[in-house]
Amino acid sequence: MPVLQVAWLYYLNNSAFVLNCLALFYGLSGSWLIIATQWRTARAVRLAAGGSGSLALTGTPVRAHPANRMFMLVGGVCLGLALLLTLAARLV
């Protein structure tokens, strides 16, 4: 029996395991996105302050930057999906 068929039969018999593995993947991905965005924001604030000690930012504030909002949103969606997959694994 080919290896992929054996793996597929194992996953069909252990569907809760597969859902929990997906939840772990999405949870780690989402948390990494949120942490990396926080680090980027803190670095941008630190660089914008420079040596003067004042936060004289030009343009949009660092927190309201569209890329940061998008990364935070995608990270939150990934964490929510991980929660839903974990709850679904309990029902299987």
C-alpha atoms as a PDB file:
ATOM      1  CA  MET A   1       0.000   0.000   0.000  1.00  0.00           C
ATOM      2  CA  PRO A   2       1.493   3.383  -0.958  1.00  0.00           C
ATOM      3  CA  VAL A   3       2.606   5.711   1.794  1.00  0.00           C
ATOM      4  CA  LEU A   4       0.106   8.451   0.916  1.00  0.00           C
ATOM      5  CA  GLN A   5      -2.804   6.041   1.176  1.00  0.00           C
ATOM      6  CA  VAL A   6      -1.639   4.897   4.590  1.00  0.00           C
ATOM      7  CA  ALA A   7      -1.332   8.511   5.727  1.00  0.00           C
ATOM      8  CA  TRP A   8      -4.770   9.343   4.321  1.00  0.00           C
ATOM      9  CA  LEU A   9      -6.370   6.385   6.146  1.00  0.00           C
ATOM     10  CA  TYR A  10      -4.636   7.434   9.372  1.00  0.00           C
ATOM     11  CA  TYR A  11      -5.939  10.980   9.034  1.00  0.00           C
ATOM     12  CA  LEU A  12      -9.463   9.758   8.269  1.00  0.00           C
ATOM     13  CA  ASN A  13      -9.431   7.690  11.452  1.00  0.00           C
ATOM     14  CA  ASN A  14      -7.968  10.539  13.548  1.00  0.00           C
ATOM     15  CA  SER A  15      -9.814  13.599  12.305  1.00  0.00           C
ATOM     16  CA  ALA A  16      -9.585  15.406  15.670  1.00  0.00           C
ATOM     17  CA  PHE A  17      -5.793  15.128  15.474  1.00  0.00           C
ATOM     18  CA  VAL A  18      -5.764  16.709  12.021  1.00  0.00           C
ATOM     19  CA  LEU A  19      -8.032  19.559  13.136  1.00  0.00           C
ATOM     20  CA  ASN A  20      -5.857  20.197  16.186  1.00  0.00           C
ATOM     21  CA  CYS A  21      -2.731  20.242  14.014  1.00  0.00           C
ATOM     22  CA  LEU A  22      -4.358  22.817  11.731  1.00  0.00           C
ATOM     23  CA  ALA A  23      -5.414  24.832  14.770  1.00  0.00           C
ATOM     24  CA  LEU A  24      -1.843  24.764  16.064  1.00  0.00           C
ATOM     25  CA  PHE A  25      -0.534  25.928  12.699  1.00  0.00           C
ATOM     26  CA  TYR A  26      -3.019  28.806  12.472  1.00  0.00           C
ATOM     27  CA  GLY A  27      -2.465  29.753  16.105  1.00  0.00           C
ATOM     28  CA  LEU A  28       1.298  29.919  15.698  1.00  0.00           C
ATOM     29  CA  SER A  29       1.011  31.834  12.430  1.00  0.00           C
ATOM     30  CA  GLY A  30      -1.426  34.366  13.854  1.00  0.00           C
ATOM     31  CA  SER A  31       0.533  34.938  17.036  1.00  0.00           C
ATOM     32  CA  TRP A  32       3.751  35.339  15.061  1.00  0.00           C
ATOM     33  CA  LEU A  33       2.091  37.961  12.848  1.00  0.00           C
ATOM     34  CA  ILE A  34       0.840  39.927  15.849  1.00  0.00           C
ATOM     35  CA  ILE A  35       4.185  39.774  17.679  1.00  0.00           C
ATOM     36  CA  ALA A  36       6.162  40.732  14.554  1.00  0.00           C
ATOM     37  CA  THR A  37       3.835  43.685  13.944  1.00  0.00           C
ATOM     38  CA  GLN A  38       4.283  44.858  17.526  1.00  0.00           C
ATOM     39  CA  TRP A  39       8.063  44.636  17.141  1.00  0.00           C
ATOM     40  CA  ARG A  40       7.917  46.579  13.871  1.00  0.00           C
ATOM     41  CA  THR A  41       5.748  49.253  15.454  1.00  0.00           C
ATOM     42  CA  ALA A  42       8.051  49.603  18.453  1.00  0.00           C
ATOM     43  CA  ARG A  43      11.089  49.810  16.161  1.00  0.00           C
ATOM     44  CA  ALA A  44       9.422  52.466  14.010  1.00  0.00           C
ATOM     45  CA  VAL A  45       8.547  54.540  17.078  1.00  0.00           C
ATOM     46  CA  ARG A  46      12.095  54.194  18.376  1.00  0.00           C
ATOM     47  CA  LEU A  47      13.570  55.247  15.022  1.00  0.00           C
ATOM     48  CA  ALA A  48      11.101  58.128  14.648  1.00  0.00           C
ATOM     49  CA  ALA A  49      12.008  59.455  18.083  1.00  0.00           C
ATOM     50  CA  GLY A  50      15.658  59.485  17.083  1.00  0.00           C
ATOM     51  CA  GLY A  51      18.067  61.095  19.472  1.00  0.00           C
ATOM     52  CA  SER A  52      15.851  64.075  20.272  1.00  0.00           C
ATOM     53  CA  GLY A  53      13.505  62.167  22.572  1.00  0.00           C
ATOM     54  CA  SER A  54      10.382  63.648  20.984  1.00  0.00           C
ATOM     55  CA  LEU A  55       7.950  61.815  18.770  1.00  0.00           C
ATOM     56  CA  ALA A  56       7.688  64.270  15.900  1.00  0.00           C
ATOM     57  CA  LEU A  57       6.267  61.839  13.365  1.00  0.00           C
ATOM     58  CA  THR A  58       5.596  63.063   9.882  1.00  0.00           C
ATOM     59  CA  GLY A  59       2.616  61.632   8.017  1.00  0.00           C
ATOM     60  CA  THR A  60       0.353  59.053   9.594  1.00  0.00           C
ATOM     61  CA  PRO A  61       0.937  57.767  13.110  1.00  0.00           C
ATOM     62  CA  VAL A  62       2.786  54.472  13.283  1.00  0.00           C
ATOM     63  CA  ARG A  63      -0.122  52.595  14.868  1.00  0.00           C
ATOM     64  CA  ALA A  64      -2.550  53.729  12.162  1.00  0.00           C
ATOM     65  CA  HIS A  65      -0.347  52.549   9.305  1.00  0.00           C
ATOM     66  CA  PRO A  66      -2.482  50.433   6.914  1.00  0.00           C
ATOM     67  CA  ALA A  67       0.044  47.599   6.696  1.00  0.00           C
ATOM     68  CA  ASN A  68       0.174  47.284  10.477  1.00  0.00           C
ATOM     69  CA  ARG A  69      -3.618  47.228  10.689  1.00  0.00           C
ATOM     70  CA  MET A  70      -3.805  44.568   7.990  1.00  0.00           C
ATOM     71  CA  PHE A  71      -1.196  42.353   9.692  1.00  0.00           C
ATOM     72  CA  MET A  72      -2.977  42.700  13.037  1.00  0.00           C
ATOM     73  CA  LEU A  73      -6.309  41.866  11.395  1.00  0.00           C
ATOM     74  CA  VAL A  74      -4.923  38.783   9.623  1.00  0.00           C
ATOM     75  CA  GLY A  75      -3.257  37.657  12.865  1.00  0.00           C
ATOM     76  CA  GLY A  76      -6.522  38.038  14.745  1.00  0.00           C
ATOM     77  CA  VAL A  77      -8.412  36.116  12.061  1.00  0.00           C
ATOM     78  CA  CYS A  78      -5.836  33.313  12.252  1.00  0.00           C
ATOM     79  CA  LEU A  79      -6.208  33.132  16.034  1.00  0.00           C
ATOM     80  CA  GLY A  80      -9.998  33.084  15.714  1.00  0.00           C
ATOM     81  CA  LEU A  81      -9.811  30.311  13.120  1.00  0.00           C
ATOM     82  CA  ALA A  82      -7.518  28.342  15.422  1.00  0.00           C
ATOM     83  CA  LEU A  83     -10.086  28.665  18.209  1.00  0.00           C
ATOM     84  CA  LEU A  84     -12.895  27.517  15.929  1.00  0.00           C
ATOM     85  CA  LEU A  85     -10.866  24.540  14.705  1.00  0.00           C
ATOM     86  CA  THR A  86     -10.087  23.526  18.277  1.00  0.00           C
ATOM     87  CA  LEU A  87     -13.758  23.697  19.185  1.00  0.00           C
ATOM     88  CA  ALA A  88     -14.656  21.702  16.073  1.00  0.00           C
ATOM     89  CA  ALA A  89     -12.092  19.050  17.007  1.00  0.00           C
ATOM     90  CA  ARG A  90     -13.880  18.533  20.322  1.00  0.00           C
ATOM     91  CA  LEU A  91     -17.127  17.779  18.478  1.00  0.00           C
ATOM     92  CA  VAL A  92     -15.573  15.216  16.134  1.00  0.00           C
END
